[in-house]
């Protein structure tokens, strides 16, 4: 499992080593890791190392020092290195080491800005080392003007070079993932000691590219993570598996209240998602015409037009494809939520939720739906505000409702009421298609129905009992994302429809579960793949 921390947590973890006089050791470890990551990236891209053109944008703090020391290492390997000092000064020891290694330092001035931007745009490697984890408010003045000019020059020249962020892209908040423009988007972020929470939450993740973590010796001093991400081995461990003498009822029964005359397909897709995610039985409740469509599309589903109280299930899915005028369906949704069973509440159910919920109720809004929910609870956020601060918005909704909140997006966040958050980015942009969320709700509903009282497999991957429901939702998001990617890969990276996500899920499940069956467990990872 990947653990991410705030900038403050990382700085606190550094304090014992700084007090022991190891400040320079920490910086050298970070710089060495950064330099080696750049060399690996050059080789992966089949670019030369000797003679490669490297420009480091160096601020005056320790982040700039890390970048300068890394550039000094690269200069010693035969690369042509230029440092653009973006402030009135730079880390003195690092700058001296850079110049001793043969690097060329240029100071940013208004007169030289255009020339420096053009040189940076032509470089094989650009190292963004202007702002570090302690910076707030983004770039200002001439440094901001430089980044704007670089971005414009790179877009015009179509450069084949790549950008590496030193610890995090300048302008991205390490704690929240908020972005203060301008930002030069990284292809690779090399971060030190631990992943930063802001790199795993949108919109910060938009600018981070692939993230690599370089251990620097502070890891044992880090506390409880601010944010976590399930990796493939964790997913394999958490997947439910039927016992030898299992039957359809012991494998879990999911009740589905979804669909309407206007959106009958939502019920079908939710049921297909659930059936693909291992549940023993699906019971559908809804209008007769929708039930008929579900029977035709999914003959495995037991359909009824009855009441929630008449159906024995282990979990409920409510809300997909329902509107404010679907009164019978909305009453069923209310009854399901009041049952005390685990519930995934999607779309149309969100406006009729009671004000006080419980962690076993999983809400699955997109940004617009979350904004509406927060406004109903007294907030003033609109969709743009939610999208600009996804981590804070998901946490706030979970705290206000008492429910587990899954905020759908390119990076999906799952917030528990106590503040713990999971971040999953396993999918493809092709998942942004009608009905995709209905399939996701079905997957999560199926996992809730199979969750049972056993928490052993969750503790095995380091998930505390009070965070279990969030982990179930994160598992669903991860499987949904992987299935979407697999469906797209099956058509050479092309577009997919929601039904294709459900169709691909059993194959993804089987592939991932082989890790668990073979006993493979990978507890530490230092690379976060591109989304």
Protein backbone atom coordinates (compact mmCIF):
# COMPACT_ATOMS: atom_id res chain seq x y z
CA UNK A 1 0.00 0.00 0.00
CA UNK A 2 1.21 3.47 -0.85
CA UNK A 3 1.08 5.92 2.04
CA UNK A 4 1.12 9.67 1.50
CA UNK A 5 1.72 12.45 3.99
CA UNK A 6 1.42 16.19 4.36
CA UNK A 7 4.44 18.42 3.99
CA UNK A 8 4.28 19.14 7.72
CA UNK A 9 4.37 15.44 8.57
CA UNK A 10 7.45 14.95 6.39
CA UNK A 11 9.20 17.98 7.89
CA UNK A 12 8.46 16.69 11.39
CA UNK A 13 9.89 13.31 10.45
CA UNK A 14 13.07 15.04 9.33
CA UNK A 15 13.55 16.85 12.66
CA UNK A 16 15.35 14.03 14.54
CA UNK A 17 17.87 13.73 11.72
CA UNK A 18 18.32 17.48 11.44
CA UNK A 19 18.91 17.66 15.19
CA UNK A 20 21.60 15.00 14.75
CA UNK A 21 23.38 17.21 12.21
CA UNK A 22 22.37 15.18 9.15
CA UNK A 23 20.84 17.98 7.09
CA UNK A 24 23.44 17.68 4.34
CA UNK A 25 23.12 13.90 4.33
CA UNK A 26 19.36 14.18 3.74
CA UNK A 27 19.90 16.62 0.89
CA UNK A 28 22.55 14.43 -0.73
CA UNK A 29 20.30 11.38 -0.52
CA UNK A 30 17.45 13.29 -2.13
CA UNK A 31 19.67 14.72 -4.86
CA UNK A 32 21.25 11.37 -5.61
CA UNK A 33 17.84 9.74 -5.95
CA UNK A 34 16.64 12.56 -8.20
CA UNK A 35 19.69 12.31 -10.46
CA UNK A 36 19.42 8.55 -10.84
CA UNK A 37 15.70 8.82 -11.62
CA UNK A 38 16.52 11.28 -14.41
CA UNK A 39 19.16 8.97 -15.85
CA UNK A 40 16.72 6.06 -15.83
CA UNK A 41 14.09 8.17 -17.55
CA UNK A 42 16.53 9.23 -20.26
CA UNK A 43 17.35 5.59 -20.94
CA UNK A 44 13.69 4.53 -20.97
CA UNK A 45 13.01 7.22 -23.55
CA UNK A 46 16.07 6.12 -25.59
CA UNK A 47 17.66 9.55 -25.14
CA UNK A 48 21.37 10.05 -24.76
CA UNK A 49 22.84 10.68 -21.34
CA UNK A 50 26.27 12.02 -22.29
CA UNK A 51 25.75 15.45 -23.76
CA UNK A 52 22.08 15.67 -22.77
CA UNK A 53 20.89 19.23 -22.16
CA UNK A 54 19.59 19.76 -18.63
CA UNK A 55 18.08 22.94 -17.21
CA UNK A 56 17.34 23.17 -13.50
CA UNK A 57 14.98 25.91 -12.34
CA UNK A 58 16.33 26.56 -8.85
CA UNK A 59 14.58 28.47 -6.11
CA UNK A 60 16.40 29.82 -3.09
CA UNK A 61 15.34 27.17 -0.55
CA UNK A 62 16.26 23.55 0.12
CA UNK A 63 14.18 22.42 -2.86
CA UNK A 64 16.45 24.46 -5.09
CA UNK A 65 19.43 22.95 -3.28
CA UNK A 66 18.20 19.42 -4.02
CA UNK A 67 17.86 20.32 -7.69
CA UNK A 68 21.30 21.94 -7.89
CA UNK A 69 23.05 19.01 -6.21
CA UNK A 70 21.28 16.61 -8.60
CA UNK A 71 22.31 18.75 -11.57
CA UNK A 72 25.90 18.73 -10.30
CA UNK A 73 25.81 14.93 -10.32
CA UNK A 74 24.45 14.96 -13.88
CA UNK A 75 27.11 17.45 -14.98
CA UNK A 76 29.77 15.08 -13.67
CA UNK A 77 28.23 12.40 -15.89
CA UNK A 78 28.83 14.53 -18.97
CA UNK A 79 25.52 16.30 -19.30
CA UNK A 80 25.33 19.96 -20.34
CA UNK A 81 23.70 21.63 -17.35
CA UNK A 82 22.33 25.12 -16.87
CA UNK A 83 20.84 26.47 -13.66
CA UNK A 84 18.29 29.26 -13.85
CA UNK A 85 18.35 30.88 -10.41
CA UNK A 86 14.80 32.19 -10.04
CA UNK A 87 15.28 34.23 -6.85
CA UNK A 88 17.87 36.72 -5.64
CA UNK A 89 19.93 33.89 -4.19
CA UNK A 90 20.28 30.11 -4.19
CA UNK A 91 21.43 27.45 -1.75
CA UNK A 92 25.11 28.50 -1.52
CA UNK A 93 26.75 25.10 -1.02
CA UNK A 94 24.65 23.45 -3.70
CA UNK A 95 25.28 26.26 -6.19
CA UNK A 96 29.02 26.05 -5.53
CA UNK A 97 28.99 22.27 -6.07
CA UNK A 98 27.03 22.74 -9.28
CA UNK A 99 29.53 25.24 -10.68
CA UNK A 100 32.52 23.10 -9.62
CA UNK A 101 31.02 20.23 -11.61
CA UNK A 102 30.98 22.41 -14.72
CA UNK A 103 27.42 23.67 -14.54
CA UNK A 104 26.53 27.12 -15.86
CA UNK A 105 24.44 29.38 -13.61
CA UNK A 106 22.17 32.10 -15.01
CA UNK A 107 20.22 34.56 -12.88
CA UNK A 108 16.67 35.34 -13.90
CA UNK A 109 16.11 38.96 -14.94
CA UNK A 110 13.41 40.63 -16.95
CA UNK A 111 15.88 41.17 -19.78
CA UNK A 112 17.01 37.53 -19.88
CA UNK A 113 13.57 35.98 -19.32
CA UNK A 114 12.73 35.29 -22.96
CA UNK A 115 16.15 33.81 -23.72
CA UNK A 116 16.06 31.58 -20.63
CA UNK A 117 12.55 30.38 -21.42
CA UNK A 118 13.59 29.45 -24.96
CA UNK A 119 16.68 27.60 -23.71
CA UNK A 120 14.61 25.71 -21.15
CA UNK A 121 12.04 24.71 -23.78
CA UNK A 122 14.82 23.19 -25.92
CA UNK A 123 16.31 21.15 -23.07
CA UNK A 124 16.18 17.37 -22.96
CA UNK A 125 15.41 17.55 -19.24
CA UNK A 126 13.84 20.34 -17.20
CA UNK A 127 14.12 20.05 -13.42
CA UNK A 128 11.50 22.07 -11.56
CA UNK A 129 13.10 22.86 -8.18
CA UNK A 130 11.61 26.29 -7.50
CA UNK A 131 9.15 25.66 -4.65
CA UNK A 132 9.11 22.91 -2.02
CA UNK A 133 6.60 21.42 0.38
CA UNK A 134 6.49 24.46 2.65
CA UNK A 135 5.49 26.91 -0.06
CA UNK A 136 1.97 28.33 -0.10
CA UNK A 137 0.30 30.43 -2.76
CA UNK A 138 2.31 29.40 -5.80
CA UNK A 139 4.83 31.23 -7.96
CA UNK A 140 4.98 35.00 -8.06
CA UNK A 141 6.73 37.76 -9.94
CA UNK A 142 9.45 36.91 -12.42
CA UNK A 143 9.38 33.20 -11.54
CA UNK A 144 5.71 33.02 -12.51
CA UNK A 145 6.45 34.92 -15.72
CA UNK A 146 9.25 32.50 -16.52
CA UNK A 147 7.01 29.43 -16.12
CA UNK A 148 4.34 31.02 -18.32
CA UNK A 149 6.95 31.74 -20.98
CA UNK A 150 8.37 28.20 -20.77
CA UNK A 151 4.93 26.64 -21.11
CA UNK A 152 4.21 28.78 -24.16
CA UNK A 153 7.59 28.04 -25.75
CA UNK A 154 7.23 24.29 -25.15
CA UNK A 155 3.78 24.26 -26.73
CA UNK A 156 5.11 26.08 -29.79
CA UNK A 157 8.25 24.00 -30.29
CA UNK A 158 6.71 20.59 -29.59
CA UNK A 159 9.80 19.64 -27.59
CA UNK A 160 10.71 16.00 -27.07
CA UNK A 161 12.23 16.77 -23.67
CA UNK A 162 10.59 15.94 -20.36
CA UNK A 163 9.97 17.72 -17.07
CA UNK A 164 10.95 16.32 -13.68
CA UNK A 165 9.53 17.89 -10.53
CA UNK A 166 11.82 17.94 -7.52
CA UNK A 167 9.64 16.72 -4.60
CA UNK A 168 6.50 18.23 -6.16
CA UNK A 169 5.59 20.54 -9.05
CA UNK A 170 5.94 24.20 -8.07
CA UNK A 171 2.46 25.59 -7.47
CA UNK A 172 0.95 22.31 -6.23
CA UNK A 173 0.00 22.28 -2.56
CA UNK A 174 1.69 19.31 -0.90
CA UNK A 175 -1.14 18.84 1.59
CA UNK A 176 -4.32 19.38 -0.41
CA UNK A 177 -3.49 18.96 -4.09
CA UNK A 178 -4.71 22.48 -4.75
CA UNK A 179 -3.04 24.26 -7.65
CA UNK A 180 -1.92 27.87 -7.93
CA UNK A 181 -1.18 28.71 -11.55
CA UNK A 182 1.15 28.87 -13.34
CA UNK A 183 2.49 25.32 -13.10
CA UNK A 184 4.85 23.49 -15.39
CA UNK A 185 3.34 20.01 -15.53
CA UNK A 186 5.77 17.21 -14.79
CA UNK A 187 6.18 13.96 -16.65
CA UNK A 188 7.87 12.56 -13.55
CA UNK A 189 7.80 13.72 -9.94
CA UNK A 190 10.60 12.46 -7.72
CA UNK A 191 9.50 12.99 -4.14
CA UNK A 192 11.58 12.44 -1.02
CA UNK A 193 10.93 10.37 2.09
CA UNK A 194 7.29 9.70 1.29
CA UNK A 195 4.65 10.53 -1.27
CA UNK A 196 2.93 13.84 -0.61
CA UNK A 197 -0.84 13.79 -0.26
CA UNK A 198 -1.25 16.56 -2.82
CA UNK A 199 0.33 14.38 -5.50
CA UNK A 200 -2.41 11.78 -5.11
CA UNK A 201 -5.40 14.14 -5.21
CA UNK A 202 -6.80 16.22 -8.04
CA UNK A 203 -6.05 18.75 -9.37
CA UNK A 204 -2.47 18.29 -8.14
CA UNK A 205 -2.30 14.81 -9.66
CA UNK A 206 -2.99 16.39 -13.07
CA UNK A 207 0.45 17.98 -12.92
CA UNK A 208 2.49 15.26 -11.19
CA UNK A 209 2.85 12.67 -13.95
CA UNK A 210 4.39 9.45 -12.68
CA UNK A 211 5.51 9.66 -9.06
CA UNK A 212 8.63 7.99 -7.65
CA UNK A 213 9.46 8.00 -3.94
CA UNK A 214 13.12 8.18 -2.91
CA UNK A 215 13.77 6.89 0.63
CA UNK A 216 16.03 9.26 2.57
CA UNK A 217 15.98 7.70 6.05
CA UNK A 218 13.00 9.45 7.65
CA UNK A 219 10.48 6.70 7.05
CA UNK A 220 10.46 5.28 10.59
CA UNK A 221 9.52 8.72 11.96
CA UNK A 222 6.39 9.09 9.84
CA UNK A 223 3.05 8.69 11.61
CA UNK A 224 -0.37 7.67 10.35
CA UNK A 225 -0.64 8.55 6.68
CA UNK A 226 -2.80 11.40 5.45
CA UNK A 227 -3.87 9.38 2.43
CA UNK A 228 -3.46 5.82 1.18
CA UNK A 229 -3.64 3.98 -2.13
CA UNK A 230 -4.33 0.28 -2.65
CA UNK A 231 -1.79 -1.45 -4.84
CA UNK A 232 -2.35 -4.61 -6.81
CA UNK A 233 -1.12 -6.92 -4.04
CA UNK A 234 -3.46 -5.21 -1.56
CA UNK A 235 -6.34 -5.60 -3.99
CA UNK A 236 -5.51 -9.30 -4.38
CA UNK A 237 -5.54 -9.77 -0.62
CA UNK A 238 -8.87 -7.95 -0.18
CA UNK A 239 -10.77 -9.77 -2.94
CA UNK A 240 -13.47 -12.01 -1.44
CA UNK A 241 -13.20 -15.65 -2.39
CA UNK A 242 -15.92 -18.29 -1.91
CA UNK A 243 -15.23 -21.18 0.43
CA UNK A 244 -15.35 -24.72 -0.91
CA UNK A 245 -18.88 -25.29 0.39
CA UNK A 246 -20.20 -21.81 -0.37
CA UNK A 247 -23.67 -21.32 -1.81
CA UNK A 248 -25.35 -18.34 -3.42
CA UNK A 249 -26.67 -16.98 -0.13
CA UNK A 250 -23.39 -17.35 1.77
CA UNK A 251 -21.65 -15.49 -1.04
CA UNK A 252 -23.82 -12.46 -0.38
CA UNK A 253 -27.09 -11.12 -1.76
CA UNK A 254 -27.33 -7.55 -3.04
CA UNK A 255 -30.59 -5.68 -3.32
CA UNK A 256 -30.76 -3.12 -6.11
CA UNK A 257 -33.15 -0.17 -6.16
CA UNK A 258 -32.26 1.63 -9.38
CA UNK A 259 -33.61 2.72 -12.72
CA UNK A 260 -36.79 4.45 -13.77
CA UNK A 261 -38.97 4.92 -16.84
CA UNK A 262 -36.59 7.65 -17.98
CA UNK A 263 -33.36 5.77 -17.21
CA UNK A 264 -34.07 2.03 -17.29
CA UNK A 265 -30.55 1.23 -18.49
CA UNK A 266 -29.06 2.36 -15.17
CA UNK A 267 -30.70 -0.61 -13.45
CA UNK A 268 -29.31 -3.02 -16.03
CA UNK A 269 -25.79 -1.63 -15.76
CA UNK A 270 -25.85 -1.62 -11.96
CA UNK A 271 -26.96 -5.25 -11.96
CA UNK A 272 -24.30 -6.19 -14.53
CA UNK A 273 -21.62 -4.52 -12.41
CA UNK A 274 -22.79 -6.42 -9.34
CA UNK A 275 -22.96 -9.79 -11.11
CA UNK A 276 -19.42 -9.30 -12.42
CA UNK A 277 -18.09 -8.58 -8.92
CA UNK A 278 -18.63 -11.95 -7.32
CA UNK A 279 -21.90 -11.56 -5.43
CA UNK A 280 -24.00 -14.74 -5.03
CA UNK A 281 -27.35 -13.20 -5.97
CA UNK A 282 -28.86 -9.91 -7.06
CA UNK A 283 -32.44 -8.96 -6.21
CA UNK A 284 -33.91 -6.06 -8.18
CA UNK A 285 -36.76 -3.85 -6.95
CA UNK A 286 -38.38 -1.33 -9.27
CA UNK A 287 -41.04 -0.50 -11.83
CA UNK A 288 -42.44 -3.43 -13.78
CA UNK A 289 -41.18 -2.17 -17.14
CA UNK A 290 -37.66 -1.73 -15.78
CA UNK A 291 -37.79 -5.14 -14.12
CA UNK A 292 -38.71 -6.68 -17.47
CA UNK A 293 -35.67 -5.08 -19.10
CA UNK A 294 -33.43 -6.31 -16.29
CA UNK A 295 -34.79 -9.87 -16.72
CA UNK A 296 -34.08 -9.78 -20.44
CA UNK A 297 -30.56 -8.39 -20.01
CA UNK A 298 -29.58 -10.25 -16.83
CA UNK A 299 -31.63 -13.44 -16.41
CA UNK A 300 -29.65 -14.24 -13.25
CA UNK A 301 -31.31 -11.34 -11.40
CA UNK A 302 -34.41 -12.00 -9.31
CA UNK A 303 -36.81 -9.13 -10.01
CA UNK A 304 -39.71 -7.79 -8.01
CA UNK A 305 -41.91 -4.73 -7.70
CA UNK A 306 -42.24 -5.23 -3.94
CA UNK A 307 -40.92 -3.55 -0.82
CA UNK A 308 -37.49 -3.45 0.78
CA UNK A 309 -38.79 -5.14 3.94
CA UNK A 310 -39.87 -8.20 1.94
CA UNK A 311 -36.37 -8.96 0.67
CA UNK A 312 -33.55 -10.62 2.56
CA UNK A 313 -30.19 -9.22 1.46
CA UNK A 314 -26.78 -8.38 2.93
CA UNK A 315 -26.46 -4.95 1.31
CA UNK A 316 -28.34 -2.47 -0.86
CA UNK A 317 -27.57 -0.35 -3.89
CA UNK A 318 -29.91 2.63 -4.32
CA UNK A 319 -30.25 5.68 -6.54
CA UNK A 320 -28.75 4.96 -9.95
CA UNK A 321 -30.98 6.28 -12.74
CA UNK A 322 -33.60 7.75 -10.42
CA UNK A 323 -35.09 11.26 -10.48
CA UNK A 324 -37.01 13.46 -8.04
CA UNK A 325 -40.38 12.29 -9.39
CA UNK A 326 -39.71 8.58 -8.97
CA UNK A 327 -41.52 8.53 -5.64
CA UNK A 328 -41.88 4.77 -5.20
CA UNK A 329 -38.20 4.18 -5.94
CA UNK A 330 -37.13 7.00 -3.64
CA UNK A 331 -39.21 5.53 -0.81
CA UNK A 332 -37.51 2.18 -1.39
CA UNK A 333 -34.16 3.98 -1.20
CA UNK A 334 -35.12 5.57 2.13
CA UNK A 335 -36.23 2.20 3.47
CA UNK A 336 -32.97 0.56 2.40
CA UNK A 337 -30.90 3.23 4.12
CA UNK A 338 -33.02 2.86 7.26
CA UNK A 339 -32.50 -0.92 7.27
CA UNK A 340 -29.12 -0.66 8.98
CA UNK A 341 -27.48 -2.76 6.29
CA UNK A 342 -24.52 -1.58 4.21
CA UNK A 343 -25.72 0.67 1.38
CA UNK A 344 -24.15 2.30 -1.64
CA UNK A 345 -26.17 5.43 -2.44
CA UNK A 346 -25.71 6.86 -5.91
CA UNK A 347 -27.10 9.71 -8.03
CA UNK A 348 -30.83 10.11 -7.45
CA UNK A 349 -30.69 8.89 -3.85
CA UNK A 350 -28.29 11.61 -2.73
CA UNK A 351 -30.86 14.43 -2.45
CA UNK A 352 -33.16 12.37 -0.17
CA UNK A 353 -30.59 11.15 2.33
CA UNK A 354 -31.18 11.71 6.03
CA UNK A 355 -28.81 14.22 7.57
CA UNK A 356 -27.15 11.67 9.84
CA UNK A 357 -25.72 8.51 8.30
CA UNK A 358 -23.17 5.86 9.25
CA UNK A 359 -19.83 4.71 7.81
CA UNK A 360 -21.42 1.61 6.23
CA UNK A 361 -23.38 3.94 3.94
CA UNK A 362 -21.19 4.73 0.91
CA UNK A 363 -22.12 7.82 -1.09
CA UNK A 364 -20.81 7.94 -4.69
CA UNK A 365 -21.24 11.49 -6.03
CA UNK A 366 -19.42 13.17 -8.88
CA UNK A 367 -18.21 16.73 -8.25
CA UNK A 368 -21.51 18.38 -9.17
CA UNK A 369 -23.53 16.03 -6.97
CA UNK A 370 -21.11 16.55 -4.08
CA UNK A 371 -21.43 20.32 -4.42
CA UNK A 372 -25.22 20.01 -4.23
CA UNK A 373 -24.94 17.77 -1.16
CA UNK A 374 -22.60 20.20 0.60
CA UNK A 375 -24.94 23.10 -0.15
CA UNK A 376 -27.82 21.15 1.34
CA UNK A 377 -25.69 20.74 4.46
CA UNK A 378 -25.01 24.46 4.72
CA UNK A 379 -21.91 24.86 2.54
CA UNK A 380 -21.40 27.27 -0.33
CA UNK A 381 -19.22 25.13 -2.63
CA UNK A 382 -20.07 24.90 -6.31
CA UNK A 383 -18.77 22.28 -8.72
CA UNK A 384 -15.69 24.34 -9.59
CA UNK A 385 -14.78 24.69 -5.91
CA UNK A 386 -15.12 20.94 -5.36
CA UNK A 387 -12.94 20.20 -8.38
CA UNK A 388 -10.32 22.69 -7.17
CA UNK A 389 -10.15 21.05 -3.74
CA UNK A 390 -11.28 17.45 -4.07
CA UNK A 391 -9.54 16.19 -0.94
CA UNK A 392 -11.02 18.83 1.35
CA UNK A 393 -14.49 18.47 -0.21
CA UNK A 394 -14.64 14.69 0.20
CA UNK A 395 -13.42 14.93 3.79
CA UNK A 396 -15.90 17.64 4.64
CA UNK A 397 -18.82 15.66 3.21
CA UNK A 398 -17.83 12.54 5.15
CA UNK A 399 -17.47 14.50 8.38
CA UNK A 400 -20.82 16.26 7.96
CA UNK A 401 -22.85 13.17 7.01
CA UNK A 402 -21.07 10.47 9.00
CA UNK A 403 -21.05 8.38 5.80
CA UNK A 404 -18.20 7.10 3.68
CA UNK A 405 -17.91 9.41 0.66
CA UNK A 406 -16.49 8.30 -2.68
CA UNK A 407 -15.86 11.29 -4.95
CA UNK A 408 -15.66 10.06 -8.53
CA UNK A 409 -13.05 11.54 -10.85
CA UNK A 410 -9.82 10.92 -12.71
CA UNK A 411 -8.45 10.34 -9.23
CA UNK A 412 -11.21 8.83 -7.12
CA UNK A 413 -11.10 9.73 -3.44
CA UNK A 414 -12.80 7.76 -0.68
CA UNK A 415 -13.12 9.57 2.65
CA UNK A 416 -14.08 7.94 5.94
CA UNK A 417 -15.93 10.03 8.54
CA UNK A 418 -12.85 10.04 10.78
CA UNK A 419 -10.72 11.72 8.10
CA UNK A 420 -8.86 8.76 6.58
CA UNK A 421 -8.78 8.89 2.79
CA UNK A 422 -8.00 6.44 0.00
CA UNK A 423 -6.99 7.61 -3.47
CA UNK A 424 -7.31 5.37 -6.52
CA UNK A 425 -6.26 6.24 -10.07
CA UNK A 426 -6.32 2.87 -11.81
CA UNK A 427 -8.44 3.73 -14.82
CA UNK A 428 -8.42 5.44 -18.17
CA UNK A 429 -10.06 8.68 -19.35
CA UNK A 430 -12.35 6.49 -21.47
CA UNK A 431 -14.20 5.65 -18.24
CA UNK A 432 -15.89 9.04 -18.56
CA UNK A 433 -18.88 7.56 -20.35
CA UNK A 434 -22.61 7.32 -19.61
CA UNK A 435 -23.42 4.43 -17.29
CA UNK A 436 -19.89 4.00 -15.98
CA UNK A 437 -20.97 5.20 -12.53
CA UNK A 438 -23.88 2.75 -12.51
CA UNK A 439 -21.44 -0.12 -13.05
CA UNK A 440 -19.22 1.25 -10.28
CA UNK A 441 -22.17 1.37 -7.88
CA UNK A 442 -22.92 -2.26 -8.72
CA UNK A 443 -19.34 -3.30 -8.08
CA UNK A 444 -19.22 -1.55 -4.71
CA UNK A 445 -22.64 -2.91 -3.76
CA UNK A 446 -21.48 -6.45 -4.53
CA UNK A 447 -18.37 -6.00 -2.40
CA UNK A 448 -20.44 -4.63 0.48
CA UNK A 449 -22.72 -7.67 0.28
CA UNK A 450 -19.67 -9.94 0.46
CA UNK A 451 -17.84 -8.02 3.18
CA UNK A 452 -19.33 -9.87 6.17
CA UNK A 453 -18.03 -9.55 9.73
CA UNK A 454 -14.50 -10.82 9.01
CA UNK A 455 -11.99 -7.97 9.09
CA UNK A 456 -8.90 -10.18 9.02
CA UNK A 457 -7.95 -9.58 5.42
CA UNK A 458 -8.25 -5.81 5.94
CA UNK A 459 -5.91 -5.81 8.93
CA UNK A 460 -3.46 -7.87 6.87
CA UNK A 461 -2.96 -4.91 4.52
CA UNK A 462 -2.87 -2.38 7.36
CA UNK A 463 -6.49 -1.17 7.25
CA UNK A 464 -7.92 -0.32 10.65
CA UNK A 465 -11.45 -1.59 11.52
CA UNK A 466 -12.91 1.92 11.54
CA UNK A 467 -11.70 2.46 7.96
CA UNK A 468 -12.93 -0.85 6.55
CA UNK A 469 -15.92 0.57 4.68
CA UNK A 470 -13.72 3.13 2.95
CA UNK A 471 -11.33 0.33 1.97
CA UNK A 472 -14.24 -1.65 0.46
CA UNK A 473 -15.23 1.38 -1.62
CA UNK A 474 -11.61 1.97 -2.66
CA UNK A 475 -11.36 -1.68 -3.69
CA UNK A 476 -14.44 -1.20 -5.87
CA UNK A 477 -12.98 1.92 -7.44
CA UNK A 478 -9.72 0.11 -8.16
CA UNK A 479 -11.44 -2.87 -9.78
CA UNK A 480 -13.69 -0.57 -11.82
CA UNK A 481 -10.69 1.42 -13.03
CA UNK A 482 -8.70 -1.68 -13.93
CA UNK A 483 -11.68 -3.14 -15.78
CA UNK A 484 -12.10 0.06 -17.76
CA UNK A 485 -8.44 0.04 -18.68
CA UNK A 486 -8.61 -3.62 -19.68
CA UNK A 487 -11.68 -2.98 -21.84
CA UNK A 488 -9.90 -0.11 -23.57
CA UNK A 489 -6.71 -2.12 -24.01
CA UNK A 490 -8.76 -4.85 -25.71
CA UNK A 491 -9.57 -2.34 -28.47
CA UNK A 492 -6.02 -0.98 -28.72
CA UNK A 493 -6.62 1.84 -26.27
CA UNK A 494 -9.87 2.94 -27.91
CA UNK A 495 -13.18 4.07 -26.46
CA UNK A 496 -15.42 1.85 -24.36
CA UNK A 497 -19.06 1.71 -23.33
CA UNK A 498 -20.19 1.08 -19.78
CA UNK A 499 -21.24 -2.48 -20.55
CA UNK A 500 -17.69 -3.23 -21.61
CA UNK A 501 -16.44 -2.32 -18.13
CA UNK A 502 -18.68 -4.94 -16.54
CA UNK A 503 -17.71 -7.50 -19.18
CA UNK A 504 -14.00 -6.99 -18.50
CA UNK A 505 -14.25 -7.18 -14.72
CA UNK A 506 -14.18 -10.98 -14.20
CA UNK A 507 -10.97 -11.24 -16.22
CA UNK A 508 -9.37 -8.45 -14.20
CA UNK A 509 -10.54 -10.09 -10.98
CA UNK A 510 -9.02 -13.41 -12.01
CA UNK A 511 -5.74 -11.85 -13.05
CA UNK A 512 -5.35 -9.89 -9.81
CA UNK A 513 -6.43 -12.80 -7.61
CA UNK A 514 -3.54 -14.92 -8.88
CA UNK A 515 -1.25 -12.72 -6.79
CA UNK A 516 -3.11 -13.77 -3.65
CA UNK A 517 -3.28 -17.42 -4.70
CA UNK A 518 0.47 -17.51 -5.28
CA UNK A 519 1.14 -15.93 -1.89
CA UNK A 520 2.77 -12.86 -3.40
CA UNK A 521 2.67 -9.81 -1.12
CA UNK A 522 4.41 -6.56 -2.01
CA UNK A 523 4.17 -4.32 1.04
CA UNK A 524 6.26 -1.39 -0.13
CA UNK A 525 6.32 0.37 -3.45
CA UNK A 526 8.23 3.41 -4.50
CA UNK A 527 6.59 4.05 -7.87
CA UNK A 528 3.10 5.34 -8.59
CA UNK A 529 2.15 4.62 -12.20
CA UNK A 530 0.71 7.15 -14.59
CA UNK A 531 -3.07 7.25 -14.55
